[in-house]
Structure formats: C-alpha cells, structure tokens
N, C-alpha and C. Protein backbone atom coordinates (compact mmCIF):
# COMPACT_ATOMS: atom_id res chain seq x y z
N MET A 1 -14.32 10.88 2.67
CA MET A 1 -13.60 10.59 1.43
C MET A 1 -12.98 9.19 1.52
N ASN A 2 -13.32 8.32 0.61
CA ASN A 2 -12.80 6.96 0.56
C ASN A 2 -11.86 6.83 -0.65
N LEU A 3 -10.62 6.44 -0.39
CA LEU A 3 -9.61 6.38 -1.41
C LEU A 3 -8.96 5.03 -1.54
N ILE A 4 -8.38 4.75 -2.72
CA ILE A 4 -7.52 3.59 -2.95
C ILE A 4 -6.15 4.11 -3.35
N LEU A 5 -5.11 3.45 -2.89
CA LEU A 5 -3.74 3.82 -3.26
C LEU A 5 -3.17 2.69 -4.10
N LEU A 6 -2.79 3.02 -5.34
CA LEU A 6 -2.21 2.06 -6.26
C LEU A 6 -0.77 2.40 -6.59
N GLY A 7 0.00 1.37 -6.96
CA GLY A 7 1.40 1.60 -7.34
C GLY A 7 2.17 0.30 -7.16
N ALA A 8 3.18 0.11 -7.99
CA ALA A 8 3.99 -1.11 -7.88
C ALA A 8 4.75 -1.14 -6.56
N PRO A 9 5.17 -2.34 -6.12
CA PRO A 9 5.98 -2.41 -4.91
C PRO A 9 7.23 -1.53 -5.04
N GLY A 10 7.45 -0.66 -4.06
CA GLY A 10 8.58 0.25 -4.11
C GLY A 10 8.27 1.60 -4.70
N ALA A 11 7.01 1.85 -5.05
CA ALA A 11 6.64 3.13 -5.64
C ALA A 11 6.55 4.23 -4.60
N GLY A 12 6.59 3.88 -3.32
CA GLY A 12 6.52 4.89 -2.28
C GLY A 12 5.14 5.04 -1.68
N LYS A 13 4.32 4.02 -1.81
CA LYS A 13 2.95 4.09 -1.32
C LYS A 13 2.90 4.26 0.20
N GLY A 14 3.80 3.57 0.92
CA GLY A 14 3.75 3.63 2.37
C GLY A 14 3.90 5.04 2.92
N THR A 15 4.86 5.77 2.38
CA THR A 15 5.09 7.14 2.82
C THR A 15 3.91 8.03 2.50
N GLN A 16 3.41 7.89 1.28
CA GLN A 16 2.28 8.73 0.85
C GLN A 16 1.03 8.37 1.63
N ALA A 17 0.85 7.11 1.95
CA ALA A 17 -0.32 6.69 2.73
C ALA A 17 -0.35 7.38 4.08
N THR A 18 0.81 7.43 4.73
CA THR A 18 0.89 8.11 6.04
C THR A 18 0.52 9.57 5.92
N LYS A 19 1.06 10.24 4.92
CA LYS A 19 0.82 11.69 4.74
C LYS A 19 -0.65 11.93 4.40
N ILE A 20 -1.20 11.15 3.51
CA ILE A 20 -2.61 11.34 3.09
C ILE A 20 -3.54 11.09 4.28
N SER A 21 -3.30 10.01 5.00
CA SER A 21 -4.16 9.69 6.15
C SER A 21 -4.11 10.75 7.21
N ASP A 22 -2.91 11.26 7.50
CA ASP A 22 -2.76 12.32 8.52
C ASP A 22 -3.46 13.59 8.12
N ARG A 23 -3.33 13.99 6.87
CA ARG A 23 -3.92 15.27 6.45
C ARG A 23 -5.42 15.23 6.39
N TYR A 24 -6.00 14.14 5.93
CA TYR A 24 -7.45 14.10 5.70
C TYR A 24 -8.21 13.30 6.77
N GLY A 25 -7.49 12.85 7.79
CA GLY A 25 -8.15 12.13 8.87
C GLY A 25 -8.76 10.82 8.46
N LEU A 26 -8.08 10.14 7.53
CA LEU A 26 -8.56 8.86 7.00
C LEU A 26 -7.93 7.68 7.74
N VAL A 27 -8.69 6.61 7.88
CA VAL A 27 -8.14 5.40 8.45
C VAL A 27 -7.31 4.69 7.37
N HIS A 28 -6.04 4.43 7.67
CA HIS A 28 -5.15 3.76 6.71
C HIS A 28 -5.34 2.26 6.88
N ILE A 29 -5.93 1.63 5.87
CA ILE A 29 -6.19 0.18 5.92
C ILE A 29 -5.24 -0.52 4.96
N SER A 30 -4.21 -1.17 5.49
CA SER A 30 -3.25 -1.89 4.70
C SER A 30 -3.48 -3.38 4.88
N THR A 31 -3.81 -4.05 3.81
CA THR A 31 -4.01 -5.50 3.93
C THR A 31 -2.71 -6.19 4.32
N GLY A 32 -1.60 -5.61 3.88
CA GLY A 32 -0.31 -6.18 4.28
C GLY A 32 -0.12 -6.14 5.79
N ASP A 33 -0.49 -5.01 6.39
CA ASP A 33 -0.35 -4.89 7.84
C ASP A 33 -1.30 -5.86 8.56
N ILE A 34 -2.50 -6.01 8.01
CA ILE A 34 -3.47 -6.95 8.62
C ILE A 34 -2.93 -8.36 8.59
N PHE A 35 -2.38 -8.76 7.45
CA PHE A 35 -1.80 -10.13 7.37
C PHE A 35 -0.58 -10.27 8.25
N ARG A 36 0.30 -9.26 8.27
CA ARG A 36 1.51 -9.37 9.10
C ARG A 36 1.14 -9.49 10.58
N GLU A 37 0.09 -8.79 11.00
CA GLU A 37 -0.34 -8.86 12.40
C GLU A 37 -0.86 -10.26 12.70
N ASN A 38 -1.58 -10.86 11.77
CA ASN A 38 -2.05 -12.21 11.95
C ASN A 38 -0.93 -13.24 11.90
N ILE A 39 0.06 -13.00 11.07
CA ILE A 39 1.23 -13.87 11.02
C ILE A 39 1.98 -13.81 12.36
N LYS A 40 2.13 -12.61 12.90
CA LYS A 40 2.81 -12.41 14.17
C LYS A 40 2.08 -13.16 15.30
N LYS A 41 0.77 -13.11 15.24
CA LYS A 41 -0.03 -13.77 16.29
C LYS A 41 -0.22 -15.25 16.08
N GLY A 42 0.19 -15.73 14.88
CA GLY A 42 0.06 -17.13 14.59
C GLY A 42 -1.35 -17.64 14.37
N THR A 43 -2.22 -16.73 13.89
CA THR A 43 -3.61 -17.11 13.65
C THR A 43 -3.70 -18.01 12.42
N GLU A 44 -4.87 -18.60 12.24
CA GLU A 44 -5.08 -19.47 11.08
C GLU A 44 -4.88 -18.69 9.78
N ILE A 45 -5.45 -17.49 9.73
CA ILE A 45 -5.30 -16.64 8.54
C ILE A 45 -3.82 -16.24 8.37
N GLY A 46 -3.17 -16.00 9.48
CA GLY A 46 -1.76 -15.60 9.42
C GLY A 46 -0.89 -16.72 8.86
N LEU A 47 -1.10 -17.94 9.28
CA LEU A 47 -0.31 -19.06 8.79
C LEU A 47 -0.58 -19.28 7.31
N LEU A 48 -1.85 -19.12 6.92
CA LEU A 48 -2.21 -19.27 5.49
C LEU A 48 -1.53 -18.19 4.67
N ALA A 49 -1.59 -16.95 5.16
CA ALA A 49 -0.98 -15.82 4.45
C ALA A 49 0.53 -16.03 4.32
N LYS A 50 1.16 -16.49 5.38
CA LYS A 50 2.61 -16.67 5.38
C LYS A 50 3.05 -17.68 4.32
N SER A 51 2.27 -18.72 4.11
CA SER A 51 2.64 -19.72 3.14
C SER A 51 2.68 -19.15 1.70
N TYR A 52 1.97 -18.08 1.49
CA TYR A 52 1.97 -17.42 0.16
C TYR A 52 2.98 -16.30 0.09
N THR A 53 3.00 -15.39 1.11
CA THR A 53 3.85 -14.22 1.04
C THR A 53 5.34 -14.55 1.04
N GLU A 54 5.72 -15.64 1.68
CA GLU A 54 7.12 -16.03 1.69
C GLU A 54 7.63 -16.42 0.30
N LYS A 55 6.70 -16.78 -0.56
CA LYS A 55 7.07 -17.11 -1.92
C LYS A 55 6.82 -15.97 -2.91
N GLY A 56 6.42 -14.81 -2.34
CA GLY A 56 6.14 -13.65 -3.17
C GLY A 56 4.81 -13.72 -3.86
N GLU A 57 3.95 -14.63 -3.41
CA GLU A 57 2.63 -14.80 -4.01
C GLU A 57 1.56 -14.07 -3.19
N LEU A 58 0.38 -13.96 -3.76
CA LEU A 58 -0.70 -13.22 -3.10
C LEU A 58 -1.63 -14.20 -2.32
N VAL A 59 -2.20 -13.68 -1.23
CA VAL A 59 -3.16 -14.44 -0.46
C VAL A 59 -4.42 -14.60 -1.32
N PRO A 60 -5.11 -15.76 -1.25
CA PRO A 60 -6.31 -15.98 -2.06
C PRO A 60 -7.33 -14.87 -1.95
N ASP A 61 -7.97 -14.53 -3.07
CA ASP A 61 -8.90 -13.41 -3.14
C ASP A 61 -10.03 -13.48 -2.12
N GLU A 62 -10.62 -14.66 -1.97
CA GLU A 62 -11.79 -14.78 -1.09
C GLU A 62 -11.45 -14.39 0.36
N VAL A 63 -10.25 -14.80 0.79
CA VAL A 63 -9.81 -14.49 2.15
C VAL A 63 -9.59 -12.99 2.30
N THR A 64 -8.90 -12.39 1.33
CA THR A 64 -8.61 -10.97 1.39
C THR A 64 -9.89 -10.12 1.33
N VAL A 65 -10.80 -10.45 0.45
CA VAL A 65 -12.03 -9.68 0.30
C VAL A 65 -12.85 -9.76 1.61
N ALA A 66 -12.93 -10.93 2.18
CA ALA A 66 -13.70 -11.10 3.44
C ALA A 66 -13.12 -10.25 4.57
N ILE A 67 -11.80 -10.20 4.66
CA ILE A 67 -11.15 -9.41 5.71
C ILE A 67 -11.44 -7.92 5.52
N VAL A 68 -11.28 -7.44 4.28
CA VAL A 68 -11.52 -6.02 4.01
C VAL A 68 -12.97 -5.66 4.20
N LYS A 69 -13.86 -6.48 3.76
CA LYS A 69 -15.29 -6.20 3.92
C LYS A 69 -15.64 -6.04 5.39
N ASP A 70 -15.11 -6.91 6.23
CA ASP A 70 -15.35 -6.81 7.67
C ASP A 70 -14.71 -5.56 8.25
N ARG A 71 -13.50 -5.22 7.81
CA ARG A 71 -12.79 -4.06 8.35
C ARG A 71 -13.52 -2.75 8.06
N LEU A 72 -14.15 -2.68 6.90
CA LEU A 72 -14.86 -1.46 6.53
C LEU A 72 -16.14 -1.22 7.31
N THR A 73 -16.56 -2.21 8.09
CA THR A 73 -17.76 -2.06 8.92
C THR A 73 -17.44 -1.43 10.28
N TRP A 74 -16.16 -1.31 10.60
CA TRP A 74 -15.76 -0.74 11.88
C TRP A 74 -16.16 0.75 11.93
N ASP A 75 -16.45 1.23 13.12
CA ASP A 75 -16.87 2.63 13.30
C ASP A 75 -15.85 3.64 12.79
N ASP A 76 -14.56 3.34 12.93
CA ASP A 76 -13.54 4.32 12.55
C ASP A 76 -13.51 4.59 11.04
N CYS A 77 -14.19 3.79 10.26
CA CYS A 77 -14.20 3.97 8.80
C CYS A 77 -15.29 4.94 8.34
N LYS A 78 -16.18 5.34 9.26
CA LYS A 78 -17.31 6.16 8.87
C LYS A 78 -16.87 7.55 8.37
N LYS A 79 -15.73 8.02 8.80
CA LYS A 79 -15.25 9.35 8.38
C LYS A 79 -14.36 9.28 7.15
N GLY A 80 -14.13 8.07 6.63
CA GLY A 80 -13.31 7.94 5.44
C GLY A 80 -12.13 7.03 5.68
N TYR A 81 -11.64 6.42 4.59
CA TYR A 81 -10.51 5.49 4.73
C TYR A 81 -9.66 5.51 3.45
N LEU A 82 -8.46 4.99 3.62
CA LEU A 82 -7.50 4.85 2.51
C LEU A 82 -7.11 3.37 2.42
N LEU A 83 -7.49 2.72 1.31
CA LEU A 83 -7.16 1.33 1.12
C LEU A 83 -5.77 1.20 0.45
N ASP A 84 -4.89 0.48 1.08
CA ASP A 84 -3.51 0.32 0.60
C ASP A 84 -3.21 -1.17 0.47
N GLY A 85 -3.00 -1.63 -0.78
CA GLY A 85 -2.77 -3.06 -0.99
C GLY A 85 -4.04 -3.83 -1.36
N PHE A 86 -5.12 -3.11 -1.50
CA PHE A 86 -6.40 -3.71 -1.89
C PHE A 86 -7.19 -2.65 -2.65
N PRO A 87 -7.81 -3.01 -3.76
CA PRO A 87 -7.80 -4.33 -4.45
C PRO A 87 -6.49 -4.54 -5.20
N ARG A 88 -6.15 -5.81 -5.40
CA ARG A 88 -4.93 -6.16 -6.12
C ARG A 88 -5.20 -6.72 -7.52
N ASN A 89 -6.46 -6.98 -7.81
CA ASN A 89 -6.80 -7.52 -9.12
C ASN A 89 -8.23 -7.16 -9.47
N LEU A 90 -8.64 -7.47 -10.70
CA LEU A 90 -9.97 -7.09 -11.14
C LEU A 90 -11.08 -7.76 -10.34
N PHE A 91 -10.89 -8.99 -9.96
CA PHE A 91 -11.92 -9.69 -9.15
C PHE A 91 -12.14 -8.92 -7.84
N GLN A 92 -11.07 -8.56 -7.13
CA GLN A 92 -11.17 -7.85 -5.88
C GLN A 92 -11.83 -6.48 -6.10
N ALA A 93 -11.48 -5.81 -7.17
CA ALA A 93 -12.06 -4.50 -7.46
C ALA A 93 -13.56 -4.61 -7.72
N GLU A 94 -13.97 -5.61 -8.46
CA GLU A 94 -15.40 -5.79 -8.73
C GLU A 94 -16.15 -6.15 -7.45
N GLU A 95 -15.53 -6.97 -6.60
CA GLU A 95 -16.16 -7.32 -5.31
C GLU A 95 -16.26 -6.07 -4.41
N LEU A 96 -15.20 -5.24 -4.41
CA LEU A 96 -15.24 -4.03 -3.61
C LEU A 96 -16.36 -3.11 -4.02
N ASP A 97 -16.62 -3.02 -5.30
CA ASP A 97 -17.70 -2.16 -5.80
C ASP A 97 -19.06 -2.57 -5.26
N LYS A 98 -19.20 -3.82 -4.82
CA LYS A 98 -20.46 -4.33 -4.30
C LYS A 98 -20.77 -3.86 -2.88
N PHE A 99 -19.71 -3.46 -2.11
CA PHE A 99 -19.97 -3.09 -0.72
C PHE A 99 -19.30 -1.80 -0.28
N ALA A 100 -18.67 -1.05 -1.21
CA ALA A 100 -18.03 0.18 -0.82
C ALA A 100 -18.14 1.25 -1.90
N ARG A 101 -18.11 2.52 -1.49
CA ARG A 101 -18.09 3.66 -2.41
C ARG A 101 -16.70 4.24 -2.42
N ILE A 102 -16.07 4.26 -3.58
CA ILE A 102 -14.73 4.81 -3.72
C ILE A 102 -14.78 6.16 -4.44
N ASP A 103 -14.16 7.16 -3.86
CA ASP A 103 -14.23 8.50 -4.42
C ASP A 103 -13.03 8.80 -5.37
N GLY A 104 -11.89 8.19 -5.13
CA GLY A 104 -10.73 8.44 -5.96
C GLY A 104 -9.67 7.38 -5.79
N VAL A 105 -8.84 7.19 -6.83
CA VAL A 105 -7.78 6.19 -6.80
C VAL A 105 -6.45 6.88 -7.10
N VAL A 106 -5.62 6.99 -6.10
CA VAL A 106 -4.31 7.63 -6.25
C VAL A 106 -3.35 6.59 -6.82
N ASN A 107 -2.87 6.80 -8.04
CA ASN A 107 -1.97 5.88 -8.70
C ASN A 107 -0.59 6.49 -8.85
N ILE A 108 0.45 5.85 -8.27
CA ILE A 108 1.82 6.33 -8.34
C ILE A 108 2.58 5.51 -9.38
N ASN A 109 2.94 6.17 -10.48
CA ASN A 109 3.73 5.51 -11.53
C ASN A 109 5.21 5.75 -11.25
N ILE A 110 6.04 4.74 -11.57
CA ILE A 110 7.48 4.90 -11.34
C ILE A 110 8.26 4.07 -12.34
N ASP A 111 9.45 4.50 -12.66
CA ASP A 111 10.38 3.79 -13.55
C ASP A 111 10.75 2.45 -12.89
N PRO A 112 10.49 1.31 -13.58
CA PRO A 112 10.79 0.01 -13.00
C PRO A 112 12.23 -0.16 -12.55
N ALA A 113 13.15 0.58 -13.19
CA ALA A 113 14.57 0.47 -12.85
C ALA A 113 14.87 0.93 -11.46
N LEU A 114 13.99 1.81 -10.88
CA LEU A 114 14.21 2.30 -9.53
C LEU A 114 13.65 1.37 -8.47
N LEU A 115 12.74 0.49 -8.85
CA LEU A 115 12.00 -0.29 -7.88
C LEU A 115 12.85 -1.29 -7.10
N MET A 116 13.73 -2.02 -7.81
CA MET A 116 14.55 -3.05 -7.17
C MET A 116 15.43 -2.43 -6.05
N ASP A 117 16.04 -1.28 -6.39
CA ASP A 117 16.93 -0.63 -5.39
C ASP A 117 16.10 -0.11 -4.21
N ARG A 118 14.96 0.42 -4.49
CA ARG A 118 14.11 0.96 -3.41
C ARG A 118 13.70 -0.14 -2.44
N LEU A 119 13.27 -1.29 -2.99
CA LEU A 119 12.78 -2.35 -2.11
C LEU A 119 13.88 -3.07 -1.37
N CYS A 120 14.97 -3.40 -2.04
CA CYS A 120 16.05 -4.11 -1.36
C CYS A 120 16.78 -3.23 -0.35
N GLY A 121 16.66 -1.91 -0.49
CA GLY A 121 17.29 -1.00 0.45
C GLY A 121 16.29 -0.46 1.46
N ARG A 122 15.07 -0.96 1.46
CA ARG A 122 14.02 -0.45 2.35
C ARG A 122 14.21 -0.99 3.78
N ARG A 123 13.94 -0.08 4.74
CA ARG A 123 13.88 -0.49 6.14
C ARG A 123 12.56 0.03 6.69
N VAL A 124 11.89 -0.76 7.49
CA VAL A 124 10.53 -0.44 7.98
C VAL A 124 10.49 -0.43 9.51
N CYS A 125 9.73 0.50 10.06
CA CYS A 125 9.58 0.59 11.51
C CYS A 125 8.63 -0.49 12.03
N ARG A 126 9.07 -1.23 13.03
CA ARG A 126 8.25 -2.29 13.60
C ARG A 126 7.02 -1.77 14.31
N GLU A 127 7.07 -0.52 14.77
CA GLU A 127 5.98 0.04 15.54
C GLU A 127 4.91 0.70 14.69
N CYS A 128 5.29 1.69 13.86
CA CYS A 128 4.29 2.47 13.11
C CYS A 128 4.24 2.15 11.62
N GLY A 129 5.21 1.37 11.14
CA GLY A 129 5.20 0.99 9.72
C GLY A 129 5.81 1.98 8.76
N GLU A 130 6.37 3.07 9.29
CA GLU A 130 7.02 4.08 8.43
C GLU A 130 8.20 3.45 7.69
N SER A 131 8.35 3.82 6.40
CA SER A 131 9.41 3.24 5.57
C SER A 131 10.55 4.21 5.33
N TYR A 132 11.76 3.67 5.24
CA TYR A 132 12.95 4.47 4.96
C TYR A 132 13.83 3.71 3.94
N HIS A 133 14.82 4.41 3.43
CA HIS A 133 15.82 3.76 2.56
C HIS A 133 17.18 3.90 3.21
N VAL A 134 17.99 2.86 3.10
CA VAL A 134 19.28 2.87 3.78
C VAL A 134 20.16 4.07 3.38
N SER A 135 19.95 4.58 2.16
CA SER A 135 20.75 5.68 1.69
C SER A 135 20.46 6.98 2.43
N THR A 136 19.33 7.07 3.14
CA THR A 136 18.94 8.29 3.82
C THR A 136 19.07 8.16 5.35
N LEU A 137 19.39 6.99 5.84
CA LEU A 137 19.38 6.76 7.28
C LEU A 137 20.66 7.19 8.01
N ASN A 138 21.77 7.28 7.26
CA ASN A 138 23.04 7.63 7.87
C ASN A 138 23.37 6.78 9.08
N GLY A 139 23.06 5.46 8.95
CA GLY A 139 23.39 4.55 10.01
C GLY A 139 22.34 4.43 11.12
N ALA A 140 21.29 5.23 11.04
CA ALA A 140 20.23 5.18 12.07
C ALA A 140 19.52 3.85 12.06
N THR A 141 19.15 3.37 13.23
CA THR A 141 18.46 2.08 13.33
C THR A 141 17.07 2.20 13.99
N THR A 142 16.67 3.45 14.26
CA THR A 142 15.35 3.68 14.87
C THR A 142 14.55 4.67 14.03
N CYS A 143 13.24 4.61 14.17
CA CYS A 143 12.32 5.45 13.40
C CYS A 143 12.32 6.89 13.89
N ALA A 144 12.43 7.83 12.97
CA ALA A 144 12.43 9.26 13.33
C ALA A 144 11.06 9.70 13.76
N ARG A 145 10.04 8.93 13.39
CA ARG A 145 8.67 9.32 13.70
C ARG A 145 8.23 8.87 15.10
N CYS A 146 8.57 7.62 15.47
CA CYS A 146 8.10 7.12 16.76
C CYS A 146 9.18 6.45 17.61
N GLY A 147 10.41 6.32 17.07
CA GLY A 147 11.49 5.74 17.83
C GLY A 147 11.55 4.22 17.79
N GLY A 148 10.64 3.61 16.99
CA GLY A 148 10.63 2.15 16.87
C GLY A 148 11.84 1.59 16.14
N GLU A 149 12.05 0.30 16.31
CA GLU A 149 13.18 -0.37 15.66
C GLU A 149 12.96 -0.50 14.18
N LEU A 150 13.99 -0.24 13.36
CA LEU A 150 13.89 -0.43 11.90
C LEU A 150 14.41 -1.81 11.55
N TYR A 151 13.77 -2.45 10.58
CA TYR A 151 14.22 -3.78 10.17
C TYR A 151 13.99 -3.96 8.68
N GLN A 152 14.61 -4.98 8.11
CA GLN A 152 14.43 -5.30 6.70
C GLN A 152 13.48 -6.50 6.57
N ARG A 153 12.39 -6.33 5.85
CA ARG A 153 11.47 -7.44 5.66
C ARG A 153 12.14 -8.58 4.94
N LYS A 154 11.77 -9.79 5.30
CA LYS A 154 12.38 -10.97 4.72
C LYS A 154 12.13 -11.05 3.20
N ASP A 155 10.99 -10.48 2.77
CA ASP A 155 10.68 -10.53 1.34
C ASP A 155 11.29 -9.41 0.53
N ASP A 156 12.07 -8.54 1.16
CA ASP A 156 12.76 -7.47 0.44
C ASP A 156 14.14 -7.94 -0.05
N ASN A 157 14.11 -8.93 -0.91
CA ASN A 157 15.36 -9.44 -1.53
C ASN A 157 15.13 -9.58 -3.01
N PRO A 158 16.19 -9.59 -3.84
CA PRO A 158 16.03 -9.54 -5.30
C PRO A 158 15.10 -10.64 -5.86
N GLU A 159 15.22 -11.87 -5.38
CA GLU A 159 14.40 -12.94 -5.93
C GLU A 159 12.91 -12.73 -5.67
N THR A 160 12.60 -12.44 -4.40
CA THR A 160 11.16 -12.26 -4.04
C THR A 160 10.62 -10.97 -4.67
N VAL A 161 11.42 -9.90 -4.67
CA VAL A 161 11.00 -8.65 -5.26
C VAL A 161 10.66 -8.83 -6.73
N GLY A 162 11.52 -9.58 -7.44
CA GLY A 162 11.24 -9.84 -8.87
C GLY A 162 9.92 -10.54 -9.06
N ALA A 163 9.63 -11.49 -8.17
CA ALA A 163 8.38 -12.23 -8.28
C ALA A 163 7.18 -11.30 -7.99
N ARG A 164 7.36 -10.41 -7.01
CA ARG A 164 6.26 -9.49 -6.66
C ARG A 164 5.98 -8.51 -7.80
N LEU A 165 7.04 -8.02 -8.46
CA LEU A 165 6.83 -7.09 -9.57
C LEU A 165 6.15 -7.78 -10.75
N ALA A 166 6.49 -9.04 -10.98
CA ALA A 166 5.86 -9.79 -12.05
C ALA A 166 4.36 -9.96 -11.76
N VAL A 167 4.04 -10.28 -10.52
CA VAL A 167 2.64 -10.44 -10.12
C VAL A 167 1.90 -9.14 -10.26
N TYR A 168 2.55 -8.04 -9.84
CA TYR A 168 1.88 -6.73 -9.95
C TYR A 168 1.55 -6.41 -11.40
N ASN A 169 2.53 -6.57 -12.29
CA ASN A 169 2.30 -6.24 -13.68
C ASN A 169 1.20 -7.06 -14.32
N GLU A 170 1.10 -8.32 -13.89
CA GLU A 170 0.11 -9.22 -14.47
C GLU A 170 -1.30 -8.99 -13.87
N GLN A 171 -1.37 -8.81 -12.55
CA GLN A 171 -2.67 -8.80 -11.91
C GLN A 171 -3.18 -7.40 -11.47
N THR A 172 -2.27 -6.53 -10.98
CA THR A 172 -2.72 -5.28 -10.42
C THR A 172 -2.72 -4.11 -11.42
N ALA A 173 -1.75 -4.08 -12.30
CA ALA A 173 -1.67 -2.97 -13.27
C ALA A 173 -2.96 -2.78 -14.09
N PRO A 174 -3.72 -3.85 -14.43
CA PRO A 174 -4.97 -3.65 -15.15
C PRO A 174 -5.99 -2.82 -14.42
N LEU A 175 -5.83 -2.64 -13.10
CA LEU A 175 -6.76 -1.81 -12.32
C LEU A 175 -6.69 -0.35 -12.75
N ILE A 176 -5.57 0.06 -13.30
CA ILE A 176 -5.42 1.45 -13.74
C ILE A 176 -6.47 1.74 -14.82
N ASP A 177 -6.60 0.85 -15.78
CA ASP A 177 -7.60 1.00 -16.84
C ASP A 177 -9.00 0.87 -16.29
N TYR A 178 -9.20 -0.04 -15.34
CA TYR A 178 -10.51 -0.28 -14.74
C TYR A 178 -11.04 1.01 -14.08
N TYR A 179 -10.20 1.67 -13.28
CA TYR A 179 -10.61 2.86 -12.58
C TYR A 179 -10.58 4.12 -13.49
N THR A 180 -9.78 4.06 -14.55
CA THR A 180 -9.77 5.15 -15.50
C THR A 180 -11.16 5.22 -16.19
N LYS A 181 -11.70 4.06 -16.54
CA LYS A 181 -13.00 4.00 -17.17
C LYS A 181 -14.10 4.50 -16.25
N GLN A 182 -13.88 4.38 -14.94
CA GLN A 182 -14.86 4.87 -13.98
C GLN A 182 -14.66 6.37 -13.66
N GLY A 183 -13.61 6.94 -14.23
CA GLY A 183 -13.33 8.34 -14.02
C GLY A 183 -12.77 8.64 -12.62
N LYS A 184 -12.18 7.64 -11.98
CA LYS A 184 -11.69 7.82 -10.61
C LYS A 184 -10.18 7.87 -10.48
N ILE A 185 -9.43 7.55 -11.53
CA ILE A 185 -7.97 7.45 -11.44
C ILE A 185 -7.33 8.81 -11.31
N LEU A 186 -6.37 8.94 -10.43
CA LEU A 186 -5.60 10.18 -10.19
C LEU A 186 -4.13 9.79 -10.35
N ASN A 187 -3.54 10.13 -11.48
CA ASN A 187 -2.18 9.68 -11.76
C ASN A 187 -1.09 10.64 -11.27
N PHE A 188 -0.05 10.07 -10.69
CA PHE A 188 1.12 10.85 -10.24
C PHE A 188 2.37 10.08 -10.60
N THR A 189 3.49 10.79 -10.70
CA THR A 189 4.76 10.16 -11.06
C THR A 189 5.69 10.14 -9.85
N GLY A 190 6.06 8.93 -9.41
CA GLY A 190 7.01 8.80 -8.29
C GLY A 190 8.42 8.79 -8.85
N THR A 191 9.25 9.66 -8.37
CA THR A 191 10.62 9.76 -8.85
C THR A 191 11.60 9.71 -7.68
N GLU A 192 12.85 10.09 -7.91
CA GLU A 192 13.83 10.13 -6.83
C GLU A 192 13.72 11.41 -6.03
N ALA A 193 12.79 12.27 -6.39
CA ALA A 193 12.58 13.52 -5.65
C ALA A 193 12.04 13.19 -4.25
N PRO A 194 12.21 14.09 -3.28
CA PRO A 194 11.71 13.83 -1.94
C PRO A 194 10.21 13.53 -1.91
N ALA A 195 9.82 12.70 -0.98
CA ALA A 195 8.41 12.30 -0.87
C ALA A 195 7.51 13.51 -0.65
N GLU A 196 8.05 14.56 -0.01
CA GLU A 196 7.27 15.76 0.26
C GLU A 196 6.84 16.44 -1.04
N VAL A 197 7.71 16.39 -2.05
CA VAL A 197 7.38 17.03 -3.34
C VAL A 197 6.22 16.28 -3.98
N LEU A 198 6.26 14.99 -3.98
CA LEU A 198 5.17 14.20 -4.54
C LEU A 198 3.89 14.45 -3.77
N PHE A 199 3.98 14.51 -2.44
CA PHE A 199 2.77 14.70 -1.65
C PHE A 199 2.12 16.05 -1.93
N GLU A 200 2.89 17.08 -2.20
CA GLU A 200 2.30 18.36 -2.54
C GLU A 200 1.45 18.28 -3.78
N GLU A 201 1.89 17.46 -4.74
CA GLU A 201 1.10 17.28 -5.95
C GLU A 201 -0.18 16.49 -5.63
N VAL A 202 -0.04 15.47 -4.79
CA VAL A 202 -1.21 14.68 -4.40
C VAL A 202 -2.20 15.52 -3.61
N ARG A 203 -1.68 16.31 -2.69
CA ARG A 203 -2.50 17.16 -1.82
C ARG A 203 -3.33 18.14 -2.66
N ALA A 204 -2.70 18.75 -3.65
CA ALA A 204 -3.41 19.73 -4.47
C ALA A 204 -4.62 19.11 -5.14
N VAL A 205 -4.51 17.86 -5.57
CA VAL A 205 -5.62 17.21 -6.23
C VAL A 205 -6.67 16.75 -5.23
N LEU A 206 -6.21 16.16 -4.11
CA LEU A 206 -7.16 15.63 -3.14
C LEU A 206 -7.93 16.74 -2.40
N ASP A 207 -7.30 17.91 -2.24
CA ASP A 207 -8.01 19.05 -1.63
C ASP A 207 -9.27 19.39 -2.46
N LYS A 208 -9.12 19.32 -3.77
CA LYS A 208 -10.29 19.64 -4.65
C LYS A 208 -11.32 18.51 -4.55
N LEU A 209 -10.85 17.24 -4.48
CA LEU A 209 -11.76 16.13 -4.39
C LEU A 209 -12.55 16.14 -3.10
N ALA A 210 -11.85 16.56 -2.02
CA ALA A 210 -12.48 16.59 -0.69
C ALA A 210 -13.48 17.74 -0.55
N GLY A 211 -13.34 18.71 -1.46
CA GLY A 211 -14.25 19.84 -1.45
C GLY A 211 -13.92 20.85 -0.37
C-alpha cells in the first residue's frame, strides 16, 4: 500500500505518519527529514535546501522530485511507503504519477486558527522525529518514545509559520482537488482531540483500503 499524507503545517501529520507507518509496516518517507539530514551533514543539497527553508520557502521542484524518485527505488519501499511532505504542488504530483502508484491520499483538514499555536508550541525529538506540544509535556525535555532530546525548530516562529501557511494555501491545497478527481482522497478532520482519536478514524478507512 502506497500512501500520501496531506495537511497544512501543524495539522498533526507527523504523529499520524508514525502511527500509520507502524500499523501497516510502511516506510515513512519525509522530504523534510531528508533535507534536514543533508543540512546537518552539510551536503550540497543540504546547503541549497537551507537557503530556502530558513526563509519559509520550498526547495526547487526538480531537486525534490529527483530525491524522492531515487528514494522510492530502495528495497525497503517494495512493501509500501507513506510520502509525507511530497508532493507539495501540482507539478510534483504530476511528476510522481510518472514513476509511482499511489493507492490513497490521507488529507487532514484543520481550522487555521489552531495552526499557529500548534506550530509555535511544537517540540520535536532529535532522534526519532516524534512531535509534541509544550502544553502536554509538563516540563519534560526528552521524548517519551525513544528518550531523545526535544527541541524547537528554528522555523517554528510566527513569521516563518505565517509564510509557510501562505505557501501551503497557494501551492499545496490544490492537490486536494487533484486527488479527489482521481478518486484517491481520504478526508479527515484534525481537531484538538487526542491524536489517538483521529488515528482510529484513519485506521478504519485504511484497513478497508489495505484489504
């Protein structure tokens, strides 16, 4: 089963990605993680990506498509994968259709008023990438899943978050209509309810899709 995960920044995609991947044995492919790893290592792609992400902008399409296309050829993708952060626009979606078969697109809708608080209060594990919100941590500074250090991403600030939301609405939101026309969109509503509640709704639908 090959899936795409859609949703605005702060919609809770990270948490759902972990749960979906674990349940269905899918490889979680996050373009954000790929770029951050390259930025950390100081690679050419990493330096290029950093020049864009620090301004809240997206990495050029050609670079992103090439990286994803290569990643999907790895052996671990043969049993299925979950794409998170790709495609981000219609060009990327059309390119993806040329080299991959997508079975379903999980789209998490959320009230825009909740997004700014979610992102600016987000803390992420350096080791496994699990996301938390400061309101639920009770002062904890380590990940409950793996014990890794929690940190706040530099781009999780009001100015950059605002830029990211504007980019999402302009470039990524049109993918909902694109995949709806293909009959692949699976819509869910992300709220302030626990992530487990949302996942039960997602699981019920994906169990049927998986057969």
